[in-house]
Structures are given as structure tokens and as C-alpha cells.
Amino acid sequence: MPRAIVLVNADVGKESEVYASIKGIPEVAEAYTSYGTYDIIAIVNADSNEKLKGIITTRIRSIPSIRSTLSMPVVD
């Protein structure tokens, strides 16, 4: 099963809203808030690499108040 770790930077003061939106995506297996370089860490699972790409590019990156993301595909 394809999986990626997605690191997210949110607009200041919007971290909770972005976190809630990310948690609402069914393919997001885990999500955490952080007080480091990135505001949110999400683990995303999908049935295929193409679906994984779609979830990251169209569902996560389109969330309002996201400034940037860094996606790291997991290789088992």
C-alpha cells in the first residue's frame, strides 16, 4: 500500500483549522500538530501511487491557509 508522510506549514493562527481539515480526509491515517519547522505531520495511505498523488495534490494542498507542504513517499 503506497504511503507518504506529508509535512505542512499553515498560516499563523490557522493551524487548528488546517489540522481539522486534514483529519477529515479518509485516507489520512494519522495526523499530528507540531511546534517545529512544520505545523502538521500527516500519514497518508492510498490504494495506488496515482491515488496517493491525487490526495496530496488536490485534497491536501487545496486546503485554505496551507502555505506549503513537503511530501515524503515511504519505501517499505
N, C-alpha and C. Protein backbone atom coordinates (compact mmCIF):
# COMPACT_ATOMS: atom_id res chain seq x y z
N MET A 1 0.85 -1.18 0.00
CA MET A 1 0.00 0.00 0.00
C MET A 1 0.89 1.24 0.00
N PRO A 2 0.76 2.10 -0.99
CA PRO A 2 1.53 3.34 -1.02
C PRO A 2 1.20 4.23 0.18
N ARG A 3 2.24 4.86 0.69
CA ARG A 3 2.10 5.70 1.88
C ARG A 3 3.05 6.88 1.75
N ALA A 4 2.65 8.01 2.31
CA ALA A 4 3.52 9.19 2.33
C ALA A 4 3.37 9.92 3.65
N ILE A 5 4.45 10.54 4.05
CA ILE A 5 4.43 11.47 5.17
C ILE A 5 4.37 12.86 4.56
N VAL A 6 3.39 13.65 4.99
CA VAL A 6 3.22 15.00 4.45
C VAL A 6 3.42 16.00 5.58
N LEU A 7 4.39 16.87 5.41
CA LEU A 7 4.67 17.93 6.37
C LEU A 7 4.03 19.21 5.86
N VAL A 8 3.32 19.91 6.74
CA VAL A 8 2.51 21.05 6.32
C VAL A 8 2.85 22.30 7.12
N ASN A 9 3.00 23.41 6.42
CA ASN A 9 3.10 24.73 7.04
C ASN A 9 1.77 25.44 6.82
N ALA A 10 1.20 25.95 7.90
CA ALA A 10 -0.08 26.65 7.83
C ALA A 10 0.12 28.13 8.13
N ASP A 11 -0.84 28.94 7.70
CA ASP A 11 -0.81 30.35 8.06
C ASP A 11 -0.88 30.48 9.58
N VAL A 12 -0.23 31.50 10.10
CA VAL A 12 -0.22 31.73 11.54
C VAL A 12 -1.66 31.91 12.04
N GLY A 13 -2.00 31.18 13.08
CA GLY A 13 -3.32 31.26 13.67
C GLY A 13 -4.35 30.35 13.02
N LYS A 14 -3.99 29.69 11.94
CA LYS A 14 -4.92 28.81 11.22
C LYS A 14 -4.56 27.33 11.36
N GLU A 15 -3.62 27.02 12.20
CA GLU A 15 -3.14 25.66 12.34
C GLU A 15 -4.26 24.68 12.73
N SER A 16 -5.11 25.07 13.66
CA SER A 16 -6.19 24.18 14.11
C SER A 16 -7.18 23.89 13.00
N GLU A 17 -7.51 24.90 12.21
CA GLU A 17 -8.44 24.71 11.09
C GLU A 17 -7.84 23.78 10.04
N VAL A 18 -6.58 23.98 9.72
CA VAL A 18 -5.92 23.13 8.73
C VAL A 18 -5.83 21.70 9.25
N TYR A 19 -5.48 21.55 10.51
CA TYR A 19 -5.39 20.23 11.13
C TYR A 19 -6.74 19.50 11.04
N ALA A 20 -7.82 20.19 11.37
CA ALA A 20 -9.16 19.58 11.32
C ALA A 20 -9.51 19.17 9.89
N SER A 21 -9.16 19.99 8.92
CA SER A 21 -9.45 19.66 7.52
C SER A 21 -8.66 18.43 7.09
N ILE A 22 -7.40 18.36 7.47
CA ILE A 22 -6.57 17.21 7.11
C ILE A 22 -7.10 15.95 7.76
N LYS A 23 -7.47 16.03 9.03
CA LYS A 23 -8.00 14.86 9.76
C LYS A 23 -9.29 14.35 9.12
N GLY A 24 -10.02 15.23 8.44
CA GLY A 24 -11.28 14.85 7.81
C GLY A 24 -11.12 14.10 6.49
N ILE A 25 -9.92 13.97 6.00
CA ILE A 25 -9.68 13.23 4.76
C ILE A 25 -9.55 11.75 5.11
N PRO A 26 -10.41 10.90 4.55
CA PRO A 26 -10.42 9.48 4.97
C PRO A 26 -9.08 8.76 4.80
N GLU A 27 -8.29 9.13 3.81
CA GLU A 27 -7.02 8.45 3.56
C GLU A 27 -5.91 8.88 4.51
N VAL A 28 -6.17 9.88 5.33
CA VAL A 28 -5.19 10.31 6.33
C VAL A 28 -5.31 9.37 7.52
N ALA A 29 -4.31 8.51 7.67
CA ALA A 29 -4.33 7.51 8.74
C ALA A 29 -3.99 8.12 10.09
N GLU A 30 -3.08 9.11 10.09
CA GLU A 30 -2.65 9.76 11.32
C GLU A 30 -2.33 11.21 11.00
N ALA A 31 -2.55 12.09 11.97
CA ALA A 31 -2.16 13.49 11.83
C ALA A 31 -1.79 14.02 13.21
N TYR A 32 -0.78 14.86 13.23
CA TYR A 32 -0.28 15.43 14.47
C TYR A 32 0.04 16.91 14.27
N THR A 33 -0.12 17.70 15.32
CA THR A 33 0.36 19.07 15.29
C THR A 33 1.76 19.08 15.89
N SER A 34 2.55 20.06 15.49
CA SER A 34 3.93 20.14 15.92
C SER A 34 4.31 21.60 16.13
N TYR A 35 5.28 21.83 16.98
CA TYR A 35 5.79 23.18 17.22
C TYR A 35 7.22 23.29 16.72
N GLY A 36 7.44 22.81 15.52
CA GLY A 36 8.77 22.87 14.94
C GLY A 36 8.72 23.59 13.61
N THR A 37 9.55 23.16 12.70
CA THR A 37 9.61 23.75 11.38
C THR A 37 8.28 23.59 10.65
N TYR A 38 7.60 22.47 10.86
CA TYR A 38 6.31 22.22 10.24
C TYR A 38 5.23 22.21 11.31
N ASP A 39 4.03 22.64 10.93
CA ASP A 39 2.92 22.74 11.88
C ASP A 39 2.14 21.44 12.02
N ILE A 40 2.04 20.68 10.93
CA ILE A 40 1.23 19.47 10.92
C ILE A 40 2.01 18.37 10.20
N ILE A 41 1.91 17.17 10.75
CA ILE A 41 2.52 15.98 10.15
C ILE A 41 1.38 15.01 9.89
N ALA A 42 1.24 14.57 8.64
CA ALA A 42 0.17 13.65 8.28
C ALA A 42 0.74 12.41 7.62
N ILE A 43 0.14 11.26 7.93
CA ILE A 43 0.48 9.99 7.28
C ILE A 43 -0.70 9.66 6.37
N VAL A 44 -0.42 9.54 5.08
CA VAL A 44 -1.47 9.31 4.09
C VAL A 44 -1.27 7.95 3.45
N ASN A 45 -2.35 7.16 3.38
CA ASN A 45 -2.35 5.85 2.72
C ASN A 45 -3.26 5.90 1.51
N ALA A 46 -2.91 5.14 0.47
CA ALA A 46 -3.75 5.07 -0.72
C ALA A 46 -3.61 3.70 -1.36
N ASP A 47 -4.53 3.40 -2.28
CA ASP A 47 -4.51 2.11 -2.97
C ASP A 47 -3.47 2.04 -4.07
N SER A 48 -3.06 3.20 -4.59
CA SER A 48 -2.07 3.22 -5.67
C SER A 48 -1.25 4.51 -5.57
N ASN A 49 -0.13 4.55 -6.24
CA ASN A 49 0.69 5.76 -6.26
C ASN A 49 -0.06 6.91 -6.91
N GLU A 50 -0.85 6.62 -7.93
CA GLU A 50 -1.63 7.66 -8.61
C GLU A 50 -2.66 8.27 -7.67
N LYS A 51 -3.33 7.43 -6.88
CA LYS A 51 -4.30 7.94 -5.91
C LYS A 51 -3.61 8.74 -4.81
N LEU A 52 -2.45 8.28 -4.38
CA LEU A 52 -1.68 8.99 -3.37
C LEU A 52 -1.33 10.39 -3.87
N LYS A 53 -0.86 10.46 -5.09
CA LYS A 53 -0.53 11.75 -5.70
C LYS A 53 -1.76 12.66 -5.74
N GLY A 54 -2.89 12.11 -6.11
CA GLY A 54 -4.12 12.90 -6.18
C GLY A 54 -4.57 13.42 -4.83
N ILE A 55 -4.47 12.59 -3.81
CA ILE A 55 -4.86 13.02 -2.46
C ILE A 55 -4.00 14.19 -2.01
N ILE A 56 -2.70 14.07 -2.24
CA ILE A 56 -1.79 15.12 -1.80
C ILE A 56 -1.98 16.39 -2.61
N THR A 57 -2.05 16.26 -3.93
CA THR A 57 -2.09 17.46 -4.77
C THR A 57 -3.45 18.14 -4.81
N THR A 58 -4.53 17.37 -4.80
CA THR A 58 -5.84 18.01 -4.94
C THR A 58 -6.62 18.14 -3.64
N ARG A 59 -6.39 17.27 -2.68
CA ARG A 59 -7.18 17.34 -1.45
C ARG A 59 -6.45 18.05 -0.33
N ILE A 60 -5.18 17.75 -0.13
CA ILE A 60 -4.44 18.38 0.96
C ILE A 60 -3.97 19.77 0.56
N ARG A 61 -3.28 19.88 -0.56
CA ARG A 61 -2.72 21.17 -0.96
C ARG A 61 -3.77 22.23 -1.28
N SER A 62 -5.00 21.82 -1.51
CA SER A 62 -6.06 22.79 -1.82
C SER A 62 -6.74 23.34 -0.58
N ILE A 63 -6.37 22.86 0.60
CA ILE A 63 -6.97 23.35 1.84
C ILE A 63 -6.56 24.81 2.05
N PRO A 64 -7.54 25.68 2.27
CA PRO A 64 -7.19 27.09 2.52
C PRO A 64 -6.27 27.22 3.74
N SER A 65 -5.40 28.18 3.70
CA SER A 65 -4.47 28.51 4.78
C SER A 65 -3.25 27.60 4.86
N ILE A 66 -3.07 26.71 3.88
CA ILE A 66 -1.82 25.97 3.81
C ILE A 66 -0.83 26.81 3.00
N ARG A 67 0.32 27.08 3.61
CA ARG A 67 1.36 27.85 2.93
C ARG A 67 2.25 26.97 2.08
N SER A 68 2.62 25.79 2.61
CA SER A 68 3.49 24.89 1.86
C SER A 68 3.38 23.47 2.43
N THR A 69 3.81 22.52 1.60
CA THR A 69 3.87 21.12 2.04
C THR A 69 5.18 20.52 1.56
N LEU A 70 5.58 19.46 2.23
CA LEU A 70 6.71 18.65 1.82
C LEU A 70 6.25 17.19 1.93
N SER A 71 6.21 16.51 0.80
CA SER A 71 5.74 15.12 0.77
C SER A 71 6.91 14.17 0.67
N MET A 72 6.87 13.14 1.50
CA MET A 72 7.93 12.13 1.51
C MET A 72 7.31 10.75 1.34
N PRO A 73 7.36 10.19 0.13
CA PRO A 73 6.83 8.84 -0.06
C PRO A 73 7.63 7.85 0.78
N VAL A 74 6.93 6.91 1.37
CA VAL A 74 7.56 5.89 2.20
C VAL A 74 7.86 4.68 1.34
N VAL A 75 9.10 4.18 1.43
CA VAL A 75 9.51 2.99 0.70
C VAL A 75 9.67 1.87 1.72
N ASP A 76 8.87 0.85 1.58
CA ASP A 76 8.95 -0.28 2.52
C ASP A 76 10.00 -1.26 2.10
